[in-house]
Amino acid sequence: AFLALIAEALADGAVKAGLERHLSTQLVQGLFSGTASLLKHTTHPAIIKDSVMSPGGTTAAGYAELESAGVRNAMIRAIEEAHKKAVEIGKK
């Protein structure tokens, strides 16, 4: 569900930028497929980020916006809350 939310938001952003919905969906599918493949062969996700982000480039601009919006912290908190709920359910 977490990644589906991210996929939907990325596709919506692409539509907002002017791409047709079917193209934005295809691009997100390719993004997730390619990233999954890279994750299988990489020791840390930061290596992928560092290898695709050009200084001053489009990815760097978008990444900076995600950081300023607190996306990393929100994802960490989501996992923490899911874990708390799992522990709570496990005690019942």
C-alpha atoms as a PDB file:
ATOM      1  CA  ALA A   1       0.000   0.000   0.000  1.00  0.00           C
ATOM      2  CA  PHE A   2       2.884   2.379   0.790  1.00  0.00           C
ATOM      3  CA  LEU A   3       4.456   1.989  -2.637  1.00  0.00           C
ATOM      4  CA  ALA A   4       1.057   2.134  -4.349  1.00  0.00           C
ATOM      5  CA  LEU A   5       0.530   5.552  -2.759  1.00  0.00           C
ATOM      6  CA  ILE A   6       3.923   6.686  -4.044  1.00  0.00           C
ATOM      7  CA  ALA A   7       3.179   5.304  -7.522  1.00  0.00           C
ATOM      8  CA  GLU A   8      -0.152   7.107  -7.638  1.00  0.00           C
ATOM      9  CA  ALA A   9       1.426  10.382  -6.544  1.00  0.00           C
ATOM     10  CA  LEU A  10       4.192  10.094  -9.145  1.00  0.00           C
ATOM     11  CA  ALA A  11       1.660   9.408 -11.890  1.00  0.00           C
ATOM     12  CA  ASP A  12      -0.487  12.325 -10.740  1.00  0.00           C
ATOM     13  CA  GLY A  13       2.566  14.583 -10.771  1.00  0.00           C
ATOM     14  CA  ALA A  14       3.346  13.546 -14.329  1.00  0.00           C
ATOM     15  CA  VAL A  15      -0.232  14.300 -15.379  1.00  0.00           C
ATOM     16  CA  LYS A  16       0.011  17.693 -13.667  1.00  0.00           C
ATOM     17  CA  ALA A  17       3.202  18.320 -15.649  1.00  0.00           C
ATOM     18  CA  GLY A  18       1.311  17.648 -18.880  1.00  0.00           C
ATOM     19  CA  LEU A  19       1.649  13.936 -19.649  1.00  0.00           C
ATOM     20  CA  GLU A  20      -1.378  11.883 -20.560  1.00  0.00           C
ATOM     21  CA  ARG A  21      -2.545   9.483 -17.829  1.00  0.00           C
ATOM     22  CA  HIS A  22      -1.661   6.306 -19.749  1.00  0.00           C
ATOM     23  CA  LEU A  23       1.881   7.583 -20.391  1.00  0.00           C
ATOM     24  CA  SER A  24       2.382   8.647 -16.792  1.00  0.00           C
ATOM     25  CA  THR A  25       1.245   5.217 -15.611  1.00  0.00           C
ATOM     26  CA  GLN A  26       3.622   3.476 -18.023  1.00  0.00           C
ATOM     27  CA  LEU A  27       6.509   5.644 -16.866  1.00  0.00           C
ATOM     28  CA  VAL A  28       5.819   4.878 -13.207  1.00  0.00           C
ATOM     29  CA  GLN A  29       5.603   1.152 -13.967  1.00  0.00           C
ATOM     30  CA  GLY A  30       8.973   1.346 -15.707  1.00  0.00           C
ATOM     31  CA  LEU A  31      10.421   3.353 -12.834  1.00  0.00           C
ATOM     32  CA  PHE A  32       9.330   0.776 -10.269  1.00  0.00           C
ATOM     33  CA  SER A  33      10.448  -2.158 -12.412  1.00  0.00           C
ATOM     34  CA  GLY A  34      13.853  -0.636 -13.072  1.00  0.00           C
ATOM     35  CA  THR A  35      14.345   0.358  -9.448  1.00  0.00           C
ATOM     36  CA  ALA A  36      13.388  -3.131  -8.238  1.00  0.00           C
ATOM     37  CA  SER A  37      15.992  -4.604 -10.559  1.00  0.00           C
ATOM     38  CA  LEU A  38      18.654  -2.195  -9.316  1.00  0.00           C
ATOM     39  CA  LEU A  39      17.786  -2.900  -5.673  1.00  0.00           C
ATOM     40  CA  LYS A  40      18.460  -6.617  -6.246  1.00  0.00           C
ATOM     41  CA  HIS A  41      22.051  -5.844  -7.200  1.00  0.00           C
ATOM     42  CA  THR A  42      22.863  -2.910  -4.903  1.00  0.00           C
ATOM     43  CA  THR A  43      24.008  -2.938  -1.310  1.00  0.00           C
ATOM     44  CA  HIS A  44      22.237   0.306  -0.355  1.00  0.00           C
ATOM     45  CA  PRO A  45      19.509   2.422  -2.003  1.00  0.00           C
ATOM     46  CA  ALA A  46      21.652   5.557  -1.645  1.00  0.00           C
ATOM     47  CA  ILE A  47      24.024   4.081  -4.227  1.00  0.00           C
ATOM     48  CA  ILE A  48      21.198   4.093  -6.765  1.00  0.00           C
ATOM     49  CA  LYS A  49      20.289   7.681  -5.867  1.00  0.00           C
ATOM     50  CA  ASP A  50      23.883   8.840  -6.170  1.00  0.00           C
ATOM     51  CA  SER A  51      24.325   7.109  -9.522  1.00  0.00           C
ATOM     52  CA  VAL A  52      21.277   8.698 -11.172  1.00  0.00           C
ATOM     53  CA  MET A  53      21.246  12.190  -9.655  1.00  0.00           C
ATOM     54  CA  SER A  54      23.248  14.740 -11.648  1.00  0.00           C
ATOM     55  CA  PRO A  55      24.411  17.843  -9.791  1.00  0.00           C
ATOM     56  CA  GLY A  56      21.909  20.620 -10.427  1.00  0.00           C
ATOM     57  CA  GLY A  57      19.728  18.318 -12.526  1.00  0.00           C
ATOM     58  CA  THR A  58      16.051  17.508 -12.634  1.00  0.00           C
ATOM     59  CA  THR A  59      16.288  14.585 -10.210  1.00  0.00           C
ATOM     60  CA  ALA A  60      18.237  16.706  -7.738  1.00  0.00           C
ATOM     61  CA  ALA A  61      15.556  19.392  -7.888  1.00  0.00           C
ATOM     62  CA  GLY A  62      12.751  16.913  -7.317  1.00  0.00           C
ATOM     63  CA  TYR A  63      14.679  15.083  -4.603  1.00  0.00           C
ATOM     64  CA  ALA A  64      15.309  18.335  -2.738  1.00  0.00           C
ATOM     65  CA  GLU A  65      11.586  19.061  -2.805  1.00  0.00           C
ATOM     66  CA  LEU A  66      10.819  15.616  -1.361  1.00  0.00           C
ATOM     67  CA  GLU A  67      13.326  16.205   1.420  1.00  0.00           C
ATOM     68  CA  SER A  68      11.953  19.675   2.206  1.00  0.00           C
ATOM     69  CA  ALA A  69       8.433  18.205   2.387  1.00  0.00           C
ATOM     70  CA  GLY A  70       9.582  15.592   4.901  1.00  0.00           C
ATOM     71  CA  VAL A  71       8.855  12.539   2.766  1.00  0.00           C
ATOM     72  CA  ARG A  72      11.722  10.497   4.231  1.00  0.00           C
ATOM     73  CA  ASN A  73      10.584  11.205   7.797  1.00  0.00           C
ATOM     74  CA  ALA A  74       6.956  10.464   6.912  1.00  0.00           C
ATOM     75  CA  MET A  75       7.929   7.068   5.479  1.00  0.00           C
ATOM     76  CA  ILE A  76       9.972   6.219   8.574  1.00  0.00           C
ATOM     77  CA  ARG A  77       7.066   7.227  10.816  1.00  0.00           C
ATOM     78  CA  ALA A  78       4.659   5.152   8.718  1.00  0.00           C
ATOM     79  CA  ILE A  79       6.780   2.048   9.317  1.00  0.00           C
ATOM     80  CA  GLU A  80       7.036   2.847  13.032  1.00  0.00           C
ATOM     81  CA  GLU A  81       3.252   3.217  13.315  1.00  0.00           C
ATOM     82  CA  ALA A  82       2.623   0.018  11.371  1.00  0.00           C
ATOM     83  CA  HIS A  83       5.034  -1.797  13.690  1.00  0.00           C
ATOM     84  CA  LYS A  84       3.305  -0.399  16.785  1.00  0.00           C
ATOM     85  CA  LYS A  85      -0.054  -1.569  15.437  1.00  0.00           C
ATOM     86  CA  ALA A  86       1.345  -5.036  14.702  1.00  0.00           C
ATOM     87  CA  VAL A  87       2.653  -5.297  18.266  1.00  0.00           C
ATOM     88  CA  GLU A  88      -0.710  -4.141  19.617  1.00  0.00           C
ATOM     89  CA  ILE A  89      -2.597  -6.681  17.524  1.00  0.00           C
ATOM     90  CA  GLY A  90      -0.133  -9.386  18.565  1.00  0.00           C
ATOM     91  CA  LYS A  91      -0.951  -8.788  22.237  1.00  0.00           C
ATOM     92  CA  LYS A  92      -4.667  -9.500  21.713  1.00  0.00           C
END
